[in-house]
C-alpha atoms as a PDB file:
ATOM      1  CA  MET A   1       8.003 -16.413 222.823  1.00  0.00           C
ATOM      2  CA  TYR A   2      12.067 -16.725 222.407  1.00  0.00           C
ATOM      3  CA  MET A   3      11.412 -14.048 219.140  1.00  0.00           C
ATOM      4  CA  SER A   4      14.392 -12.341 217.804  1.00  0.00           C
ATOM      5  CA  GLN A   5      14.812  -8.654 218.494  1.00  0.00           C
ATOM      6  CA  LYS A   6      13.937  -7.697 214.454  1.00  0.00           C
ATOM      7  CA  GLU A   7      10.926 -10.004 215.878  1.00  0.00           C
ATOM      8  CA  VAL A   8       9.784  -7.907 218.952  1.00  0.00           C
ATOM      9  CA  LEU A   9      10.296  -4.915 216.714  1.00  0.00           C
ATOM     10  CA  TYR A  10       7.641  -5.738 214.993  1.00  0.00           C
ATOM     11  CA  THR A  11       5.119  -7.333 216.759  1.00  0.00           C
ATOM     12  CA  LEU A  12       5.652  -4.034 219.571  1.00  0.00           C
ATOM     13  CA  GLU A  13       4.793  -1.814 216.549  1.00  0.00           C
ATOM     14  CA  MET A  14       2.299  -3.999 215.304  1.00  0.00           C
ATOM     15  CA  LYS A  15       0.297  -4.942 218.105  1.00  0.00           C
ATOM     16  CA  GLY A  16       1.747  -2.145 220.730  1.00  0.00           C
ATOM     17  CA  ASN A  17       1.526   1.469 217.999  1.00  0.00           C
ATOM     18  CA  VAL A  18       5.100   1.222 220.012  1.00  0.00           C
ATOM     19  CA  GLU A  19       7.512   2.844 218.211  1.00  0.00           C
ATOM     20  CA  PRO A  20      10.567   1.099 216.704  1.00  0.00           C
ATOM     21  CA  GLY A  21      13.384   3.611 217.984  1.00  0.00           C
ATOM     22  CA  PHE A  22      11.809   3.352 221.106  1.00  0.00           C
ATOM     23  CA  THR A  23      12.004  -0.357 221.371  1.00  0.00           C
ATOM     24  CA  GLN A  24      15.449  -0.749 220.160  1.00  0.00           C
ATOM     25  CA  LEU A  25      16.639   2.034 222.851  1.00  0.00           C
ATOM     26  CA  VAL A  26      15.382  -0.266 225.998  1.00  0.00           C
ATOM     27  CA  TRP A  27      16.272  -3.368 223.731  1.00  0.00           C
ATOM     28  CA  GLN A  28      20.183  -1.805 224.628  1.00  0.00           C
ATOM     29  CA  LYS A  29      19.469  -1.024 227.150  1.00  0.00           C
ATOM     30  CA  LEU A  30      18.957  -3.565 229.162  1.00  0.00           C
ATOM     31  CA  GLU A  31      21.495  -5.859 226.997  1.00  0.00           C
ATOM     32  CA  GLU A  32      23.714  -3.768 228.748  1.00  0.00           C
ATOM     33  CA  ALA A  33      22.453  -4.121 232.132  1.00  0.00           C
ATOM     34  CA  ASN A  34      22.017  -7.957 231.458  1.00  0.00           C
ATOM     35  CA  PRO A  35      24.359  -8.941 229.384  1.00  0.00           C
ATOM     36  CA  ASP A  36      24.899 -13.178 230.568  1.00  0.00           C
ATOM     37  CA  PHE A  37      20.762 -13.238 229.977  1.00  0.00           C
ATOM     38  CA  PHE A  38      21.390 -12.193 226.747  1.00  0.00           C
ATOM     39  CA  LEU A  39      23.921 -14.191 225.307  1.00  0.00           C
ATOM     40  CA  SER A  40      21.835 -17.302 227.103  1.00  0.00           C
ATOM     41  CA  TYR A  41      18.847 -15.539 224.640  1.00  0.00           C
ATOM     42  CA  ASP A  42      20.940 -15.955 221.899  1.00  0.00           C
ATOM     43  CA  VAL A  43      21.538 -19.174 222.076  1.00  0.00           C
ATOM     44  CA  ARG A  44      18.626 -20.110 222.740  1.00  0.00           C
ATOM     45  CA  LEU A  45      17.038 -18.522 219.521  1.00  0.00           C
ATOM     46  CA  LYS A  46      19.994 -20.482 217.525  1.00  0.00           C
ATOM     47  CA  LEU A  47      18.338 -23.163 218.700  1.00  0.00           C
ATOM     48  CA  LYS A  48      15.068 -22.397 218.288  1.00  0.00           C
ATOM     49  CA  ASP A  49      16.160 -21.854 215.106  1.00  0.00           C
ATOM     50  CA  GLN A  50      18.429 -24.941 214.794  1.00  0.00           C
ATOM     51  CA  ILE A  51      14.796 -27.220 216.101  1.00  0.00           C
ATOM     52  CA  VAL A  52      12.495 -24.901 213.433  1.00  0.00           C
ATOM     53  CA  ALA A  53      15.204 -26.662 210.354  1.00  0.00           C
ATOM     54  CA  PHE A  54      15.648 -29.814 211.699  1.00  0.00           C
ATOM     55  CA  ASN A  55      11.892 -30.674 211.791  1.00  0.00           C
ATOM     56  CA  TYR A  56      11.369 -29.114 208.107  1.00  0.00           C
ATOM     57  CA  LEU A  57      14.192 -31.233 207.186  1.00  0.00           C
ATOM     58  CA  VAL A  58      12.574 -34.545 208.893  1.00  0.00           C
ATOM     59  CA  GLU A  59       8.686 -33.661 207.042  1.00  0.00           C
ATOM     60  CA  GLN A  60      10.339 -33.134 204.014  1.00  0.00           C
ATOM     61  CA  GLN A  61      12.378 -36.488 203.906  1.00  0.00           C
ATOM     62  CA  THR A  62       8.845 -38.588 205.292  1.00  0.00           C
ATOM     63  CA  ARG A  63       7.180 -36.726 202.343  1.00  0.00           C
ATOM     64  CA  LEU A  64      10.095 -38.417 200.175  1.00  0.00           C
ATOM     65  CA  LEU A  65       9.886 -41.459 201.660  1.00  0.00           C
ATOM     66  CA  GLN A  66       6.015 -42.111 201.644  1.00  0.00           C
ATOM     67  CA  LYS A  67       6.201 -40.975 197.618  1.00  0.00           C
ATOM     68  CA  LEU A  68       9.168 -43.694 197.311  1.00  0.00           C
ATOM     69  CA  THR A  69       6.576 -46.502 198.734  1.00  0.00           C
ATOM     70  CA  LEU A  70       3.817 -45.110 196.778  1.00  0.00           C
END
């Protein structure tokens, strides 16, 4: 789902009733054990954010162009 750490903490707390402190500890240990994975994961999160921003801008441009043609 490519969620940020903050999103994972929130989701596990709300849906799974998992303490945020426990989730943070597990996340930290996973990062220490798998640094290459998390480096790649961070890049993917940034790419996801850029895609969302790009799609938003395209939508805004489409709306503006529709207004201009009316």
